[in-house]
Amino acid sequence: MPTYTQPTDPALLNPAALVADLRAEVERASLYFASLDEATASQPLAPGKWCTRLTVGHLIDSAGNNLQRVVRLSIDESLELPGYQQNEWVTVQRYDLRPWTEIHELWRALNLHLAHVIAQINPAHLTRIWHFNEGDVTLGFIVEDYIAHLRHHLNALPGYRA
């Protein structure tokens, strides 16, 4: 699993600030997505690369997987779950067959729900560990890295942000 940020000591994390960052990014991206039509959302970003529609589909998958991790680690001390095969998930779910508005509305709703769940995390649980085939990471790092991953993909979209 590639990482997009360096872990912060969980004792230094500010969940409210992370939630505010996520919500702000969701609102900014939602405005951008609403400005795109079907054709624009379907244009590959580069030869052999995903289009915006498939990139947002990948971000839906990422949000869903991370929602599960956050909920499970809010309940249990540790978690053993595999990562996920991002290309295969996008292929199987056929985001190319869904209307663009449905894709970006699903992405927005799922991320706002994830922000809500993150806001409910007991700060003492931020040190809980997800064990997976590539190593161990804390719940705090999962949240931090999710937001960094989201920004990484959004900032790669043409015309997003300045």
Protein backbone atom coordinates (compact mmCIF):
# COMPACT_ATOMS: atom_id res chain seq x y z
CA MET A 1 0.00 0.00 0.00
CA PRO A 2 1.61 3.26 -1.02
CA THR A 3 1.46 5.97 1.61
CA TYR A 4 0.87 9.66 0.97
CA THR A 5 2.04 11.23 4.23
CA GLN A 6 4.34 10.60 7.16
CA PRO A 7 2.66 9.38 10.34
CA THR A 8 2.11 11.86 13.14
CA ASP A 9 2.37 10.72 16.74
CA PRO A 10 -1.27 9.82 17.52
CA ALA A 11 -1.06 11.86 20.75
CA LEU A 12 -0.46 14.96 18.62
CA LEU A 13 -3.31 14.38 16.17
CA ASN A 14 -6.27 16.72 16.25
CA PRO A 15 -9.30 14.74 14.99
CA ALA A 16 -11.42 17.91 14.73
CA ALA A 17 -8.82 19.50 12.43
CA LEU A 18 -8.64 16.34 10.30
CA VAL A 19 -12.44 16.33 9.98
CA ALA A 20 -12.46 20.02 9.03
CA ASP A 21 -9.77 19.37 6.40
CA LEU A 22 -11.71 16.46 4.94
CA ARG A 23 -15.01 18.35 4.85
CA ALA A 24 -13.37 21.38 3.21
CA GLU A 25 -11.78 19.18 0.54
CA VAL A 26 -15.10 17.42 -0.10
CA GLU A 27 -16.91 20.73 -0.58
CA ARG A 28 -14.18 22.09 -2.88
CA ALA A 29 -14.15 18.90 -4.96
CA SER A 30 -17.95 18.76 -5.09
CA LEU A 31 -18.06 22.19 -6.74
CA TYR A 32 -15.42 21.08 -9.22
CA PHE A 33 -17.21 17.80 -9.99
CA ALA A 34 -20.52 19.60 -10.52
CA SER A 35 -18.83 21.74 -13.19
CA LEU A 36 -17.89 18.68 -15.27
CA ASP A 37 -20.11 17.15 -17.91
CA GLU A 38 -20.22 13.46 -18.89
CA ALA A 39 -17.74 13.88 -21.75
CA THR A 40 -15.19 15.78 -19.68
CA ALA A 41 -15.44 13.32 -16.78
CA SER A 42 -14.85 10.47 -19.24
CA GLN A 43 -11.68 11.84 -20.90
CA PRO A 44 -8.56 9.86 -19.90
CA LEU A 45 -6.16 12.06 -17.96
CA ALA A 46 -3.28 10.70 -20.05
CA PRO A 47 -2.77 7.72 -22.36
CA GLY A 48 -3.28 4.55 -20.34
CA LYS A 49 -4.53 6.48 -17.29
CA TRP A 50 -7.94 6.66 -15.68
CA CYS A 51 -10.38 9.42 -16.55
CA THR A 52 -11.87 11.63 -13.83
CA ARG A 53 -14.91 9.30 -13.61
CA LEU A 54 -12.71 6.26 -12.84
CA THR A 55 -10.46 8.25 -10.52
CA VAL A 56 -13.50 9.29 -8.50
CA GLY A 57 -14.68 5.66 -8.60
CA HIS A 58 -11.33 4.69 -7.09
CA LEU A 59 -11.82 7.36 -4.43
CA ILE A 60 -15.25 5.88 -3.64
CA ASP A 61 -13.59 2.49 -3.17
CA SER A 62 -10.92 4.06 -0.97
CA ALA A 63 -13.54 5.81 1.17
CA GLY A 64 -15.49 2.57 1.58
CA ASN A 65 -12.44 0.56 2.57
CA ASN A 66 -11.26 3.24 4.99
CA LEU A 67 -14.72 3.63 6.49
CA GLN A 68 -14.63 -0.07 7.35
CA ARG A 69 -11.17 0.28 8.91
CA VAL A 70 -12.18 3.30 11.00
CA VAL A 71 -15.38 1.66 12.26
CA ARG A 72 -13.71 -1.66 13.05
CA LEU A 73 -10.80 -0.01 14.86
CA SER A 74 -13.26 2.09 16.85
CA ILE A 75 -14.69 -1.19 18.13
CA ASP A 76 -11.67 -3.52 18.36
CA GLU A 77 -8.11 -3.06 19.63
CA SER A 78 -6.62 -4.33 16.39
CA LEU A 79 -7.73 -5.36 12.95
CA GLU A 80 -6.57 -7.91 10.42
CA LEU A 81 -7.93 -7.15 6.97
CA PRO A 82 -6.25 -7.33 3.58
CA GLY A 83 -5.66 -4.24 1.52
CA TYR A 84 -7.58 -4.08 -1.74
CA GLN A 85 -6.76 -4.40 -5.41
CA GLN A 86 -7.59 -0.91 -6.63
CA ASN A 87 -7.55 -1.57 -10.37
CA GLU A 88 -9.68 -4.67 -10.04
CA TRP A 89 -12.19 -2.88 -7.80
CA VAL A 90 -12.61 -0.11 -10.39
CA THR A 91 -12.94 -2.66 -13.21
CA VAL A 92 -15.50 -4.83 -11.40
CA GLN A 93 -17.69 -1.89 -10.39
CA ARG A 94 -17.89 -0.45 -13.93
CA TYR A 95 -18.00 3.20 -12.98
CA ASP A 96 -17.87 3.90 -16.70
CA LEU A 97 -21.50 2.73 -16.94
CA ARG A 98 -22.86 5.02 -14.18
CA PRO A 99 -24.04 8.56 -14.82
CA TRP A 100 -21.40 11.06 -13.76
CA THR A 101 -23.77 12.88 -11.40
CA GLU A 102 -24.47 9.64 -9.52
CA ILE A 103 -20.74 8.97 -9.14
CA HIS A 104 -19.86 12.35 -7.74
CA GLU A 105 -22.94 12.44 -5.48
CA LEU A 106 -22.03 9.01 -4.08
CA TRP A 107 -18.44 10.15 -3.55
CA ARG A 108 -19.62 13.28 -1.72
CA ALA A 109 -22.11 11.45 0.51
CA LEU A 110 -19.65 8.70 1.40
CA ASN A 111 -16.90 11.18 2.28
CA LEU A 112 -19.20 13.33 4.40
CA HIS A 113 -20.28 10.20 6.24
CA LEU A 114 -16.64 9.18 6.72
CA ALA A 115 -15.93 12.67 8.13
CA HIS A 116 -18.86 12.20 10.53
CA VAL A 117 -17.48 8.83 11.68
CA ILE A 118 -13.96 10.22 12.07
CA ALA A 119 -15.40 12.99 14.26
CA GLN A 120 -16.74 10.29 16.60
CA ILE A 121 -13.37 8.56 17.12
CA ASN A 122 -12.29 8.34 20.72
CA PRO A 123 -8.81 9.95 20.68
CA ALA A 124 -7.51 7.06 22.79
CA HIS A 125 -8.30 4.74 19.87
CA LEU A 126 -5.97 6.53 17.44
CA THR A 127 -3.16 4.18 18.47
CA ARG A 128 -5.12 1.04 17.56
CA ILE A 129 -3.44 -1.05 14.87
CA TRP A 130 -4.49 -2.37 11.48
CA HIS A 131 -2.36 -5.43 10.64
CA PHE A 132 -2.20 -6.18 6.93
CA ASN A 133 0.11 -7.90 4.49
CA GLU A 134 2.31 -4.81 4.02
CA GLY A 135 2.78 -3.90 7.68
CA ASP A 136 1.04 -2.30 10.62
CA VAL A 137 -0.45 1.20 10.79
CA THR A 138 -2.39 3.08 13.44
CA LEU A 139 -5.94 4.32 13.15
CA GLY A 140 -4.56 7.85 13.35
CA PHE A 141 -2.33 7.20 10.36
CA ILE A 142 -5.21 5.65 8.40
CA VAL A 143 -7.16 8.89 8.77
CA GLU A 144 -4.19 11.15 7.97
CA ASP A 145 -3.15 9.09 4.98
CA TYR A 146 -6.70 8.85 3.64
CA ILE A 147 -6.92 12.65 3.44
CA ALA A 148 -3.45 12.89 1.84
CA HIS A 149 -4.39 10.15 -0.67
CA LEU A 150 -7.60 11.97 -1.53
CA ARG A 151 -5.72 15.24 -2.11
CA HIS A 152 -3.09 13.45 -4.20
CA HIS A 153 -5.73 12.22 -6.65
CA LEU A 154 -7.82 15.40 -6.65
CA ASN A 155 -4.79 17.59 -7.33
CA ALA A 156 -3.96 15.42 -10.36
CA LEU A 157 -7.31 16.25 -11.99
CA PRO A 158 -7.10 18.89 -14.74
CA GLY A 159 -8.40 22.25 -13.55
CA TYR A 160 -8.77 21.20 -9.93
CA ARG A 161 -7.45 23.81 -7.52
CA ALA A 162 -4.85 26.36 -8.42
